Amino acid sequence: MSSSQGLWVAIIATAGFVVGIIGGTLAWIGGTPTALAILVGAGGFAGFMTLGLAVADFLSRSQS
């Protein structure tokens, strides 16, 4: 992630936000109480961000 590192972080964060919203909404529609559905969405966001940033870091390392 050379000079466009900030852009990639923004893209990953936006995608993580979408994953969190969808996960929380599906949990809420499935009958989970609202507070727990919010936690499900937050967990989805955190998991996606962790995985996305780890993959971006791995792909940005130079092959030597």
C-alpha atoms as a PDB file:
ATOM      1  CA  MET A   1       0.000   0.000   0.000  1.00  0.00           C
ATOM      2  CA  SER A   2       2.366   2.665  -1.191  1.00  0.00           C
ATOM      3  CA  SER A   3       1.094   6.216  -1.580  1.00  0.00           C
ATOM      4  CA  SER A   4      -2.535   5.156  -1.731  1.00  0.00           C
ATOM      5  CA  GLN A   5      -2.501   3.611   1.746  1.00  0.00           C
ATOM      6  CA  GLY A   6      -5.137   5.977   3.126  1.00  0.00           C
ATOM      7  CA  LEU A   7      -7.460   5.255   0.229  1.00  0.00           C
ATOM      8  CA  TRP A   8      -7.230   1.515   0.814  1.00  0.00           C
ATOM      9  CA  VAL A   9      -7.911   1.928   4.523  1.00  0.00           C
ATOM     10  CA  ALA A  10     -10.979   4.024   3.666  1.00  0.00           C
ATOM     11  CA  ILE A  11     -12.228   1.388   1.215  1.00  0.00           C
ATOM     12  CA  ILE A  12     -11.703  -1.413   3.739  1.00  0.00           C
ATOM     13  CA  ALA A  13     -13.427   0.619   6.479  1.00  0.00           C
ATOM     14  CA  THR A  14     -16.402   1.368   4.220  1.00  0.00           C
ATOM     15  CA  ALA A  15     -16.741  -2.296   3.281  1.00  0.00           C
ATOM     16  CA  GLY A  16     -16.469  -3.228   6.967  1.00  0.00           C
ATOM     17  CA  PHE A  17     -19.222  -0.744   7.784  1.00  0.00           C
ATOM     18  CA  VAL A  18     -21.475  -2.373   5.181  1.00  0.00           C
ATOM     19  CA  VAL A  19     -20.699  -5.853   6.554  1.00  0.00           C
ATOM     20  CA  GLY A  20     -21.481  -4.690  10.085  1.00  0.00           C
ATOM     21  CA  ILE A  21     -24.775  -3.069   9.086  1.00  0.00           C
ATOM     22  CA  ILE A  22     -25.891  -6.113   7.114  1.00  0.00           C
ATOM     23  CA  GLY A  23     -24.874  -8.523   9.889  1.00  0.00           C
ATOM     24  CA  GLY A  24     -26.616  -6.514  12.580  1.00  0.00           C
ATOM     25  CA  THR A  25     -29.736  -6.094  10.472  1.00  0.00           C
ATOM     26  CA  LEU A  26     -29.947  -9.788   9.681  1.00  0.00           C
ATOM     27  CA  ALA A  27     -29.497 -10.635  13.360  1.00  0.00           C
ATOM     28  CA  TRP A  28     -32.238  -8.175  14.320  1.00  0.00           C
ATOM     29  CA  ILE A  29     -34.607  -9.507  11.641  1.00  0.00           C
ATOM     30  CA  GLY A  30     -33.890 -13.016  12.929  1.00  0.00           C
ATOM     31  CA  GLY A  31     -35.262 -12.090  16.337  1.00  0.00           C
ATOM     32  CA  THR A  32     -32.140 -11.111  18.238  1.00  0.00           C
ATOM     33  CA  PRO A  33     -32.744  -8.281  20.727  1.00  0.00           C
ATOM     34  CA  THR A  34     -31.616  -4.883  19.450  1.00  0.00           C
ATOM     35  CA  ALA A  35     -28.657  -4.515  21.805  1.00  0.00           C
ATOM     36  CA  LEU A  36     -27.291  -7.935  20.858  1.00  0.00           C
ATOM     37  CA  ALA A  37     -27.861  -7.256  17.152  1.00  0.00           C
ATOM     38  CA  ILE A  38     -25.725  -4.120  17.503  1.00  0.00           C
ATOM     39  CA  LEU A  39     -22.984  -6.213  19.087  1.00  0.00           C
ATOM     40  CA  VAL A  40     -23.225  -8.721  16.234  1.00  0.00           C
ATOM     41  CA  GLY A  41     -22.781  -5.886  13.738  1.00  0.00           C
ATOM     42  CA  ALA A  42     -19.832  -4.504  15.698  1.00  0.00           C
ATOM     43  CA  GLY A  43     -18.239  -7.943  15.738  1.00  0.00           C
ATOM     44  CA  GLY A  44     -18.702  -8.261  11.989  1.00  0.00           C
ATOM     45  CA  PHE A  45     -17.132  -4.842  11.464  1.00  0.00           C
ATOM     46  CA  ALA A  46     -14.175  -5.612  13.739  1.00  0.00           C
ATOM     47  CA  GLY A  47     -13.591  -9.005  12.146  1.00  0.00           C
ATOM     48  CA  PHE A  48     -13.753  -7.620   8.634  1.00  0.00           C
ATOM     49  CA  MET A  49     -11.417  -4.733   9.463  1.00  0.00           C
ATOM     50  CA  THR A  50      -8.893  -7.091  11.051  1.00  0.00           C
ATOM     51  CA  LEU A  51      -8.948  -9.462   8.111  1.00  0.00           C
ATOM     52  CA  GLY A  52      -8.986  -6.694   5.501  1.00  0.00           C
ATOM     53  CA  LEU A  53      -6.063  -4.787   6.994  1.00  0.00           C
ATOM     54  CA  ALA A  54      -4.079  -8.006   7.481  1.00  0.00           C
ATOM     55  CA  VAL A  55      -4.588  -8.971   3.840  1.00  0.00           C
ATOM     56  CA  ALA A  56      -3.707  -5.436   2.682  1.00  0.00           C
ATOM     57  CA  ASP A  57      -0.537  -5.518   4.772  1.00  0.00           C
ATOM     58  CA  PHE A  58       0.406  -8.918   3.394  1.00  0.00           C
ATOM     59  CA  LEU A  59      -0.158  -7.823  -0.192  1.00  0.00           C
ATOM     60  CA  SER A  60       1.805  -4.604   0.251  1.00  0.00           C
ATOM     61  CA  ARG A  61       4.987  -6.284   1.485  1.00  0.00           C
ATOM     62  CA  SER A  62       7.690  -6.561  -1.127  1.00  0.00           C
ATOM     63  CA  GLN A  63       8.625 -10.022  -2.270  1.00  0.00           C
ATOM     64  CA  SER A  64      12.300 -10.615  -1.568  1.00  0.00           C
END
